[in-house]
Amino acid sequence: MTEARKHVVLVADDDPEIRSLLSIRLKKAGYEVFDAGDGDQTLERIRQQKPDLVVLDVMMPGKNGWEVAKELRRDDEFKDIGIVMLTAIGERINEMTSPLYGADAFIDKPFEFSNLEQKIREVIEKRQS
């Protein structure tokens, strides 16, 4: 019996505590996890690791999350990567803006990990069908 491939998730957030918390929780949930602390590093890690999904903070140094999402959606090589925006900018702004940049889903800070994990599962399933 072969083991199913672990889904790869990139956590991109400029807050090291959030990156660490999410990385630990997602690894426990069975994901292979990488992280990045700014927009440019996020794009570099995406090119290296080819994740199934990116949890993307909006407010990051360098390129912000929306710029990263827009760049991913312009590149055919990365069109299948799921994007979940994670931000504290406000629910209404997130709800209106995230889809404009190609995000599959969004979740507002503060958040319940179970809600984020559910969105991650839904986006990966949708992107792979």
C-alpha atoms as a PDB file:
ATOM      1  CA  MET A   1       0.000   0.000   0.000  1.00  0.00           C
ATOM      2  CA  THR A   2       1.421   3.394  -0.951  1.00  0.00           C
ATOM      3  CA  GLU A   3       1.074   6.389   1.307  1.00  0.00           C
ATOM      4  CA  ALA A   4      -0.984   9.249  -0.106  1.00  0.00           C
ATOM      5  CA  ARG A   5       1.033  12.339  -0.938  1.00  0.00           C
ATOM      6  CA  LYS A   6       0.824  15.029   1.714  1.00  0.00           C
ATOM      7  CA  HIS A   7      -0.631  18.299   0.508  1.00  0.00           C
ATOM      8  CA  VAL A   8       1.877  21.128   0.614  1.00  0.00           C
ATOM      9  CA  VAL A   9       0.846  24.427   2.220  1.00  0.00           C
ATOM     10  CA  LEU A  10       2.858  27.639   2.299  1.00  0.00           C
ATOM     11  CA  VAL A  11       2.093  29.971   5.203  1.00  0.00           C
ATOM     12  CA  ALA A  12       2.971  33.572   4.278  1.00  0.00           C
ATOM     13  CA  ASP A  13       2.719  36.104   7.090  1.00  0.00           C
ATOM     14  CA  ASP A  14       5.076  38.759   8.422  1.00  0.00           C
ATOM     15  CA  ASP A  15       4.226  37.808  12.024  1.00  0.00           C
ATOM     16  CA  PRO A  16       6.606  35.001  13.097  1.00  0.00           C
ATOM     17  CA  GLU A  17       4.215  33.872  15.850  1.00  0.00           C
ATOM     18  CA  ILE A  18       1.375  33.355  13.394  1.00  0.00           C
ATOM     19  CA  ARG A  19       3.697  31.523  10.979  1.00  0.00           C
ATOM     20  CA  SER A  20       4.901  29.252  13.773  1.00  0.00           C
ATOM     21  CA  LEU A  21       1.418  28.570  15.161  1.00  0.00           C
ATOM     22  CA  LEU A  22      -0.044  27.791  11.747  1.00  0.00           C
ATOM     23  CA  SER A  23       2.933  25.664  10.733  1.00  0.00           C
ATOM     24  CA  ILE A  24       2.659  23.539  13.879  1.00  0.00           C
ATOM     25  CA  ARG A  25      -1.108  23.121  13.588  1.00  0.00           C
ATOM     26  CA  LEU A  26      -1.056  22.336   9.853  1.00  0.00           C
ATOM     27  CA  LYS A  27       1.750  19.788  10.279  1.00  0.00           C
ATOM     28  CA  LYS A  28      -0.321  18.093  13.007  1.00  0.00           C
ATOM     29  CA  ALA A  29      -3.247  18.074  10.556  1.00  0.00           C
ATOM     30  CA  GLY A  30      -1.092  16.141   8.070  1.00  0.00           C
ATOM     31  CA  TYR A  31       0.170  18.850   5.738  1.00  0.00           C
ATOM     32  CA  GLU A  32       3.729  19.449   4.592  1.00  0.00           C
ATOM     33  CA  VAL A  33       4.328  23.095   5.538  1.00  0.00           C
ATOM     34  CA  PHE A  34       6.741  25.814   4.468  1.00  0.00           C
ATOM     35  CA  ASP A  35       6.633  29.465   5.466  1.00  0.00           C
ATOM     36  CA  ALA A  36       7.622  32.908   4.270  1.00  0.00           C
ATOM     37  CA  GLY A  37       7.777  36.306   6.001  1.00  0.00           C
ATOM     38  CA  ASP A  38       7.288  38.743   3.123  1.00  0.00           C
ATOM     39  CA  GLY A  39       5.872  38.916  -0.382  1.00  0.00           C
ATOM     40  CA  ASP A  40       9.119  38.416  -2.276  1.00  0.00           C
ATOM     41  CA  GLN A  41      10.124  35.437  -0.136  1.00  0.00           C
ATOM     42  CA  THR A  42       6.630  34.022  -0.661  1.00  0.00           C
ATOM     43  CA  LEU A  43       7.019  34.081  -4.450  1.00  0.00           C
ATOM     44  CA  GLU A  44      10.492  32.533  -4.169  1.00  0.00           C
ATOM     45  CA  ARG A  45       9.189  29.698  -1.956  1.00  0.00           C
ATOM     46  CA  ILE A  46       6.253  29.097  -4.298  1.00  0.00           C
ATOM     47  CA  ARG A  47       8.644  28.662  -7.227  1.00  0.00           C
ATOM     48  CA  GLN A  48      10.809  26.266  -5.171  1.00  0.00           C
ATOM     49  CA  GLN A  49       8.150  24.204  -3.370  1.00  0.00           C
ATOM     50  CA  LYS A  50       5.136  24.340  -5.752  1.00  0.00           C
ATOM     51  CA  PRO A  51       2.581  24.199  -2.899  1.00  0.00           C
ATOM     52  CA  ASP A  52      -1.005  23.068  -3.318  1.00  0.00           C
ATOM     53  CA  LEU A  53      -2.187  26.106  -1.374  1.00  0.00           C
ATOM     54  CA  VAL A  54      -0.908  29.391   0.066  1.00  0.00           C
ATOM     55  CA  VAL A  55      -2.288  30.934   3.255  1.00  0.00           C
ATOM     56  CA  LEU A  56      -1.530  34.535   2.398  1.00  0.00           C
ATOM     57  CA  ASP A  57      -1.500  37.521   4.736  1.00  0.00           C
ATOM     58  CA  VAL A  58      -2.431  40.786   3.015  1.00  0.00           C
ATOM     59  CA  MET A  59      -0.199  43.228   4.901  1.00  0.00           C
ATOM     60  CA  MET A  60       3.393  42.070   4.401  1.00  0.00           C
ATOM     61  CA  PRO A  61       6.645  43.895   3.624  1.00  0.00           C
ATOM     62  CA  GLY A  62       7.713  44.073  -0.008  1.00  0.00           C
ATOM     63  CA  LYS A  63       4.867  42.805  -2.121  1.00  0.00           C
ATOM     64  CA  ASN A  64       1.634  42.615  -0.198  1.00  0.00           C
ATOM     65  CA  GLY A  65      -0.607  39.550  -0.286  1.00  0.00           C
ATOM     66  CA  TRP A  66      -2.870  40.938  -2.983  1.00  0.00           C
ATOM     67  CA  GLU A  67       0.133  41.624  -5.237  1.00  0.00           C
ATOM     68  CA  VAL A  68       1.399  38.079  -4.662  1.00  0.00           C
ATOM     69  CA  ALA A  69      -2.041  36.617  -5.461  1.00  0.00           C
ATOM     70  CA  LYS A  70      -2.320  38.705  -8.614  1.00  0.00           C
ATOM     71  CA  GLU A  71       1.130  37.593  -9.767  1.00  0.00           C
ATOM     72  CA  LEU A  72       0.270  33.925  -9.149  1.00  0.00           C
ATOM     73  CA  ARG A  73      -2.940  34.178 -11.140  1.00  0.00           C
ATOM     74  CA  ARG A  74      -1.111  35.733 -14.115  1.00  0.00           C
ATOM     75  CA  ASP A  75       1.320  32.789 -14.334  1.00  0.00           C
ATOM     76  CA  ASP A  76      -0.062  29.581 -15.889  1.00  0.00           C
ATOM     77  CA  GLU A  77       2.501  27.515 -13.966  1.00  0.00           C
ATOM     78  CA  PHE A  78       0.791  28.496 -10.701  1.00  0.00           C
ATOM     79  CA  LYS A  79      -2.867  28.734 -11.737  1.00  0.00           C
ATOM     80  CA  ASP A  80      -3.795  25.582  -9.801  1.00  0.00           C
ATOM     81  CA  ILE A  81      -2.425  26.805  -6.458  1.00  0.00           C
ATOM     82  CA  GLY A  82      -5.177  27.558  -3.983  1.00  0.00           C
ATOM     83  CA  ILE A  83      -5.092  30.907  -2.195  1.00  0.00           C
ATOM     84  CA  VAL A  84      -6.654  31.632   1.195  1.00  0.00           C
ATOM     85  CA  MET A  85      -6.239  35.259   2.263  1.00  0.00           C
ATOM     86  CA  LEU A  86      -5.732  35.681   6.011  1.00  0.00           C
ATOM     87  CA  THR A  87      -5.883  39.224   7.276  1.00  0.00           C
ATOM     88  CA  ALA A  88      -6.957  41.691   9.936  1.00  0.00           C
ATOM     89  CA  ILE A  89      -7.901  44.484   7.513  1.00  0.00           C
ATOM     90  CA  GLY A  90     -11.609  44.024   8.137  1.00  0.00           C
ATOM     91  CA  GLU A  91     -14.184  41.521   6.980  1.00  0.00           C
ATOM     92  CA  ARG A  92     -15.963  43.783   4.465  1.00  0.00           C
ATOM     93  CA  ILE A  93     -12.735  44.869   2.765  1.00  0.00           C
ATOM     94  CA  ASN A  94     -11.434  41.303   2.705  1.00  0.00           C
ATOM     95  CA  GLU A  95     -14.727  39.986   1.334  1.00  0.00           C
ATOM     96  CA  MET A  96     -14.819  42.571  -1.458  1.00  0.00           C
ATOM     97  CA  THR A  97     -11.130  42.629  -2.350  1.00  0.00           C
ATOM     98  CA  SER A  98      -9.848  39.046  -2.090  1.00  0.00           C
ATOM     99  CA  PRO A  99     -11.827  37.703  -5.081  1.00  0.00           C
ATOM    100  CA  LEU A 100     -10.589  40.591  -7.252  1.00  0.00           C
ATOM    101  CA  TYR A 101      -7.034  39.302  -6.863  1.00  0.00           C
ATOM    102  CA  GLY A 102      -7.881  35.655  -7.501  1.00  0.00           C
ATOM    103  CA  ALA A 103      -8.149  34.341  -3.940  1.00  0.00           C
ATOM    104  CA  ASP A 104     -10.270  31.217  -3.512  1.00  0.00           C
ATOM    105  CA  ALA A 105     -11.282  32.071   0.036  1.00  0.00           C
ATOM    106  CA  PHE A 106     -10.540  34.454   2.876  1.00  0.00           C
ATOM    107  CA  ILE A 107     -10.596  34.374   6.639  1.00  0.00           C
ATOM    108  CA  ASP A 108     -10.301  37.272   9.042  1.00  0.00           C
ATOM    109  CA  LYS A 109      -7.959  37.589  12.029  1.00  0.00           C
ATOM    110  CA  PRO A 110      -8.562  36.722  14.753  1.00  0.00           C
ATOM    111  CA  PHE A 111      -9.692  33.301  13.539  1.00  0.00           C
ATOM    112  CA  GLU A 112     -10.540  29.843  14.779  1.00  0.00           C
ATOM    113  CA  PHE A 113      -8.042  27.299  13.483  1.00  0.00           C
ATOM    114  CA  SER A 114     -10.851  24.847  12.688  1.00  0.00           C
ATOM    115  CA  ASN A 115     -12.412  27.423  10.324  1.00  0.00           C
ATOM    116  CA  LEU A 116      -9.105  28.007   8.559  1.00  0.00           C
ATOM    117  CA  GLU A 117      -8.433  24.290   8.255  1.00  0.00           C
ATOM    118  CA  GLN A 118     -11.924  23.758   6.782  1.00  0.00           C
ATOM    119  CA  LYS A 119     -11.319  26.469   4.164  1.00  0.00           C
ATOM    120  CA  ILE A 120      -7.931  24.941   3.306  1.00  0.00           C
ATOM    121  CA  ARG A 121      -9.522  21.510   2.780  1.00  0.00           C
ATOM    122  CA  GLU A 122     -12.333  22.979   0.667  1.00  0.00           C
ATOM    123  CA  VAL A 123      -9.990  24.976  -1.562  1.00  0.00           C
ATOM    124  CA  ILE A 124      -7.597  22.043  -2.118  1.00  0.00           C
ATOM    125  CA  GLU A 125     -10.510  19.739  -2.978  1.00  0.00           C
ATOM    126  CA  LYS A 126     -12.000  22.309  -5.371  1.00  0.00           C
ATOM    127  CA  ARG A 127      -8.661  23.005  -7.081  1.00  0.00           C
ATOM    128  CA  GLN A 128      -7.930  19.290  -7.565  1.00  0.00           C
ATOM    129  CA  SER A 129     -11.292  18.327  -8.999  1.00  0.00           C
END
